[in-house]
Amino acid sequence: MLSLIQNEWMKWWTMKKSKIVLAIYILIAIGIVIIAKTNDIDFTRSGFYDLTSIILITLLGIITIVFTAEAIGNEVRYDTMKHLLMSPYSRMTIYFSKLVFSILLMFGQFLLIVLISYALSFTFSEAGEPLVMRDTWLLLVSPIFTIFMTLFFSLLFRSVGMIIGFTVLAQFFTTIAGSVLLTFKPGLAKWIVFMHLDWSMYFDQSLEAQLVNPMDTTLTFSVIFVLAHILVLLGGSILIFQKKSYT
């Protein structure tokens, strides 16, 4: 599996878009600094870090969908999947190498975002409130779940565009449905997984009042609920990949 992960890394790093994405993270963070300085916006270090990290991690969620969709989608697009399946590697090894690499790639970008946001926060003199790193780390739940869902769609559709489109639509419509139900039937909103991907809501009093209390849920429920969905997506993906023919 390690050799396959290394191969995935080489394929990703040789793409021009990989360098462009890393540059975008840096440019956006620097852009926020420039806008704040030129418009006399009184940021504290913690305020800048919170805003910048949230913006960049939101962008990371979108980029994660694209890169994860290409992990299997490009193998099908360029007709290399059938050659990969003819190699000595088992299908399980191939699938999990894609999964592990997608998670590692997302995690590496996440660490870069945290580092950039934290480093640039020192351009503002006032420390302000202490950084709440816990809330930042809890934001990882959403992109990790997205990876499992995107890989699942990658085995249902041959087009990378279709994979990306269905992943985005699934997130969009279920989030909208959850928001509507939260207003009128919060008890039903509790059963929509996208309402449980932000675990920081259990530590934020304002979010607790808006989300947690109306849904009558707990952190334990959210963890189990999200993990159950991940296991279903993982099991479904493995089953499909084991049986699917790419000849």
Protein backbone atom coordinates (compact mmCIF):
# COMPACT_ATOMS: atom_id res chain seq x y z
CA MET A 1 0.00 0.00 0.00
CA LEU A 2 2.88 2.37 0.77
CA SER A 3 4.19 2.15 -2.79
CA LEU A 4 0.71 2.94 -4.14
CA ILE A 5 0.39 5.93 -1.78
CA GLN A 6 3.80 7.16 -2.96
CA ASN A 7 2.61 6.78 -6.53
CA GLU A 8 -0.52 8.80 -5.72
CA TRP A 9 1.69 11.51 -4.22
CA MET A 10 3.88 11.69 -7.33
CA LYS A 11 0.83 11.96 -9.58
CA TRP A 12 -0.65 14.71 -7.42
CA TRP A 13 2.56 16.70 -7.04
CA THR A 14 3.30 16.67 -10.77
CA MET A 15 -0.05 18.35 -11.50
CA LYS A 16 0.13 22.12 -11.93
CA LYS A 17 -3.07 22.57 -9.97
CA SER A 18 -1.42 21.18 -6.82
CA LYS A 19 1.03 24.11 -6.69
CA ILE A 20 -1.71 26.55 -7.67
CA VAL A 21 -3.89 25.40 -4.76
CA LEU A 22 -1.06 25.79 -2.25
CA ALA A 23 -0.34 29.27 -3.63
CA ILE A 24 -4.03 30.20 -3.36
CA TYR A 25 -4.06 29.40 0.37
CA ILE A 26 -1.09 31.70 0.93
CA LEU A 27 -2.37 34.50 -1.32
CA ILE A 28 -5.83 34.55 0.31
CA ALA A 29 -4.31 34.74 3.80
CA ILE A 30 -1.94 37.53 2.75
CA GLY A 31 -4.86 39.26 0.99
CA ILE A 32 -6.84 39.32 4.24
CA VAL A 33 -3.84 40.91 5.99
CA ILE A 34 -3.53 43.57 3.26
CA ILE A 35 -7.27 44.35 3.32
CA ALA A 36 -7.22 44.64 7.11
CA LYS A 37 -4.15 46.90 7.13
CA THR A 38 -5.25 49.19 4.29
CA ASN A 39 -8.76 49.60 5.72
CA ASP A 40 -7.66 50.02 9.35
CA ILE A 41 -9.56 46.94 10.44
CA ASP A 42 -8.67 46.35 14.07
CA PHE A 43 -7.96 42.63 14.08
CA THR A 44 -6.63 40.85 17.13
CA ARG A 45 -4.38 37.85 16.55
CA SER A 46 -7.11 35.45 17.55
CA GLY A 47 -9.69 37.31 15.44
CA PHE A 48 -7.51 37.16 12.33
CA TYR A 49 -6.67 33.51 12.93
CA ASP A 50 -10.33 32.53 13.37
CA LEU A 51 -11.50 34.36 10.23
CA THR A 52 -8.62 33.24 8.01
CA SER A 53 -8.66 29.61 9.10
CA ILE A 54 -12.43 29.32 8.60
CA ILE A 55 -12.24 30.84 5.10
CA LEU A 56 -9.34 28.62 4.06
CA ILE A 57 -10.80 25.44 5.60
CA THR A 58 -14.07 26.13 3.75
CA LEU A 59 -12.00 26.35 0.56
CA LEU A 60 -10.22 23.16 1.60
CA GLY A 61 -13.58 21.38 1.71
CA ILE A 62 -14.22 22.27 -1.95
CA ILE A 63 -10.70 21.36 -3.05
CA THR A 64 -10.92 18.07 -1.17
CA ILE A 65 -13.94 17.09 -3.27
CA VAL A 66 -12.05 17.83 -6.49
CA PHE A 67 -8.85 15.97 -5.59
CA THR A 68 -10.71 13.01 -4.10
CA ALA A 69 -12.97 12.73 -7.14
CA GLU A 70 -9.88 12.55 -9.33
CA ALA A 71 -8.27 9.78 -7.24
CA ILE A 72 -10.46 7.15 -8.89
CA GLY A 73 -12.14 9.28 -11.56
CA ASN A 74 -8.91 9.99 -13.42
CA GLU A 75 -8.03 6.29 -13.44
CA VAL A 76 -11.30 5.67 -15.26
CA ARG A 77 -11.02 8.78 -17.45
CA TYR A 78 -7.57 7.85 -18.76
CA ASP A 79 -8.38 4.13 -18.92
CA THR A 80 -5.64 3.20 -16.44
CA MET A 81 -7.88 1.53 -13.87
CA LYS A 82 -7.99 -1.77 -15.74
CA HIS A 83 -4.19 -1.80 -15.89
CA LEU A 84 -3.98 -1.04 -12.18
CA LEU A 85 -6.36 -3.91 -11.43
CA MET A 86 -4.11 -6.24 -13.44
CA SER A 87 -1.19 -5.42 -11.15
CA PRO A 88 -0.21 -7.69 -8.21
CA TYR A 89 -2.09 -5.41 -5.81
CA SER A 90 -5.47 -6.54 -4.51
CA ARG A 91 -8.55 -4.40 -5.02
CA MET A 92 -8.72 -3.73 -1.27
CA THR A 93 -5.13 -2.47 -1.31
CA ILE A 94 -5.84 -0.21 -4.29
CA TYR A 95 -9.00 1.23 -2.75
CA PHE A 96 -7.49 1.87 0.67
CA SER A 97 -4.40 3.46 -0.87
CA LYS A 98 -6.74 5.97 -2.56
CA LEU A 99 -8.62 6.51 0.69
CA VAL A 100 -5.53 6.91 2.89
CA PHE A 101 -3.84 9.24 0.40
CA SER A 102 -6.97 11.42 0.14
CA ILE A 103 -7.09 11.76 3.93
CA LEU A 104 -3.34 12.46 4.18
CA LEU A 105 -3.55 15.02 1.38
CA MET A 106 -6.45 16.80 3.06
CA PHE A 107 -4.70 16.68 6.43
CA GLY A 108 -1.48 18.11 4.96
CA GLN A 109 -3.38 21.04 3.46
CA PHE A 110 -5.17 21.52 6.76
CA LEU A 111 -1.87 21.77 8.65
CA LEU A 112 -0.59 24.26 6.07
CA ILE A 113 -3.72 26.40 6.58
CA VAL A 114 -3.27 26.35 10.36
CA LEU A 115 0.41 27.27 10.01
CA ILE A 116 -0.25 30.12 7.57
CA SER A 117 -3.11 31.55 9.64
CA TYR A 118 -1.15 31.34 12.87
CA ALA A 119 2.06 32.79 11.41
CA LEU A 120 0.30 35.75 9.80
CA SER A 121 -1.69 36.43 12.97
CA PHE A 122 1.51 37.88 14.43
CA THR A 123 1.27 40.79 11.98
CA PHE A 124 -1.36 42.13 14.38
CA SER A 125 0.05 43.45 17.64
CA GLU A 126 -2.80 42.75 20.06
CA ALA A 127 -3.09 39.16 21.21
CA GLY A 128 -6.81 39.39 22.07
CA GLU A 129 -8.52 36.24 23.28
CA PRO A 130 -6.46 33.02 23.25
CA LEU A 131 -6.70 30.84 20.16
CA VAL A 132 -9.20 28.02 20.51
CA MET A 133 -7.39 25.31 18.56
CA ARG A 134 -9.95 22.69 19.59
CA ASP A 135 -12.63 24.29 17.41
CA THR A 136 -10.23 24.37 14.46
CA TRP A 137 -9.41 20.67 14.79
CA LEU A 138 -13.09 19.79 15.08
CA LEU A 139 -13.59 21.29 11.60
CA LEU A 140 -11.71 18.26 10.22
CA VAL A 141 -14.83 16.14 10.62
CA SER A 142 -16.53 17.59 7.55
CA PRO A 143 -13.73 17.09 4.97
CA ILE A 144 -13.04 13.56 6.26
CA PHE A 145 -16.71 12.65 5.81
CA THR A 146 -16.63 14.31 2.37
CA ILE A 147 -13.75 12.06 1.32
CA PHE A 148 -15.73 8.89 2.07
CA MET A 149 -18.79 10.25 0.26
CA THR A 150 -16.80 11.39 -2.79
CA LEU A 151 -15.06 8.02 -3.13
CA PHE A 152 -18.47 6.34 -2.94
CA PHE A 153 -19.77 8.50 -5.82
CA SER A 154 -16.51 7.83 -7.69
CA LEU A 155 -17.56 4.19 -7.96
CA LEU A 156 -21.03 5.05 -9.23
CA PHE A 157 -20.11 7.50 -12.00
CA ARG A 158 -17.37 7.50 -14.62
CA SER A 159 -17.12 11.26 -15.09
CA VAL A 160 -15.11 13.35 -12.59
CA GLY A 161 -17.55 16.18 -13.19
CA MET A 162 -20.49 13.95 -12.26
CA ILE A 163 -18.69 12.78 -9.12
CA ILE A 164 -18.01 16.36 -8.02
CA GLY A 165 -21.51 17.47 -8.96
CA PHE A 166 -23.32 14.74 -7.02
CA THR A 167 -21.10 15.25 -3.96
CA VAL A 168 -21.78 18.98 -3.94
CA LEU A 169 -25.51 18.47 -4.58
CA ALA A 170 -25.77 15.91 -1.78
CA GLN A 171 -24.18 18.36 0.63
CA PHE A 172 -26.23 21.30 -0.62
CA PHE A 173 -29.68 19.74 -0.60
CA THR A 174 -29.28 17.88 2.68
CA THR A 175 -27.93 21.03 4.35
CA ILE A 176 -30.89 23.02 3.01
CA ALA A 177 -33.30 20.31 4.10
CA GLY A 178 -31.68 20.21 7.53
CA SER A 179 -31.91 23.98 7.88
CA VAL A 180 -35.60 23.98 6.95
CA LEU A 181 -36.36 21.12 9.32
CA LEU A 182 -34.37 22.83 12.07
CA THR A 183 -36.79 25.76 11.79
CA PHE A 184 -40.03 23.79 11.64
CA LYS A 185 -39.27 20.21 12.77
CA PRO A 186 -35.95 20.22 14.68
CA GLY A 187 -36.56 16.67 15.88
CA LEU A 188 -36.32 15.47 12.25
CA ALA A 189 -33.28 17.63 11.49
CA LYS A 190 -31.44 15.53 14.06
CA TRP A 191 -31.45 12.64 11.57
CA ILE A 192 -29.61 14.49 8.78
CA VAL A 193 -25.89 13.80 8.92
CA PHE A 194 -24.78 17.22 7.67
CA MET A 195 -26.28 18.78 10.77
CA HIS A 196 -23.71 16.84 12.83
CA LEU A 197 -20.42 17.57 11.04
CA ASP A 198 -19.60 20.70 13.05
CA TRP A 199 -18.82 19.28 16.49
CA SER A 200 -17.68 22.70 17.71
CA MET A 201 -21.38 23.55 18.17
CA TYR A 202 -21.31 21.55 21.39
CA PHE A 203 -18.72 23.94 22.85
CA ASP A 204 -20.16 27.22 21.52
CA GLN A 205 -23.05 28.65 23.56
CA SER A 206 -24.58 30.52 20.62
CA LEU A 207 -24.46 27.44 18.36
CA GLU A 208 -25.74 25.31 21.21
CA ALA A 209 -28.82 27.52 21.46
CA GLN A 210 -29.35 27.54 17.67
CA LEU A 211 -28.61 23.91 16.82
CA VAL A 212 -28.02 21.57 19.74
CA ASN A 213 -30.99 22.45 21.94
CA PRO A 214 -33.64 22.52 19.17
CA MET A 215 -32.46 19.13 17.85
CA ASP A 216 -32.15 17.70 21.37
CA THR A 217 -28.86 16.01 20.50
CA THR A 218 -25.50 15.37 22.14
CA LEU A 219 -21.87 15.13 21.05
CA THR A 220 -21.96 11.36 21.64
CA PHE A 221 -24.96 11.01 19.31
CA SER A 222 -23.25 13.11 16.62
CA VAL A 223 -20.04 11.07 16.78
CA ILE A 224 -21.89 7.76 16.53
CA PHE A 225 -24.23 9.09 13.82
CA VAL A 226 -21.37 10.37 11.62
CA LEU A 227 -19.28 7.23 12.15
CA ALA A 228 -22.27 5.06 11.21
CA HIS A 229 -22.65 6.96 7.92
CA ILE A 230 -18.91 6.64 7.24
CA LEU A 231 -19.07 2.88 7.80
CA VAL A 232 -22.04 2.59 5.43
CA LEU A 233 -20.23 4.61 2.74
CA LEU A 234 -17.05 2.60 3.27
CA GLY A 235 -18.85 -0.74 3.16
CA GLY A 236 -20.81 0.26 0.07
CA SER A 237 -17.66 1.49 -1.68
CA ILE A 238 -15.73 -1.70 -0.95
CA LEU A 239 -18.63 -3.86 -2.15
CA ILE A 240 -19.01 -1.92 -5.39
CA PHE A 241 -15.27 -1.76 -6.06
CA GLN A 242 -14.86 -5.50 -5.49
CA LYS A 243 -17.58 -6.32 -8.01
CA LYS A 244 -17.16 -3.57 -10.61
CA SER A 245 -15.51 -4.35 -13.91
CA TYR A 246 -13.39 -1.71 -15.66
CA THR A 247 -12.58 -3.74 -18.74
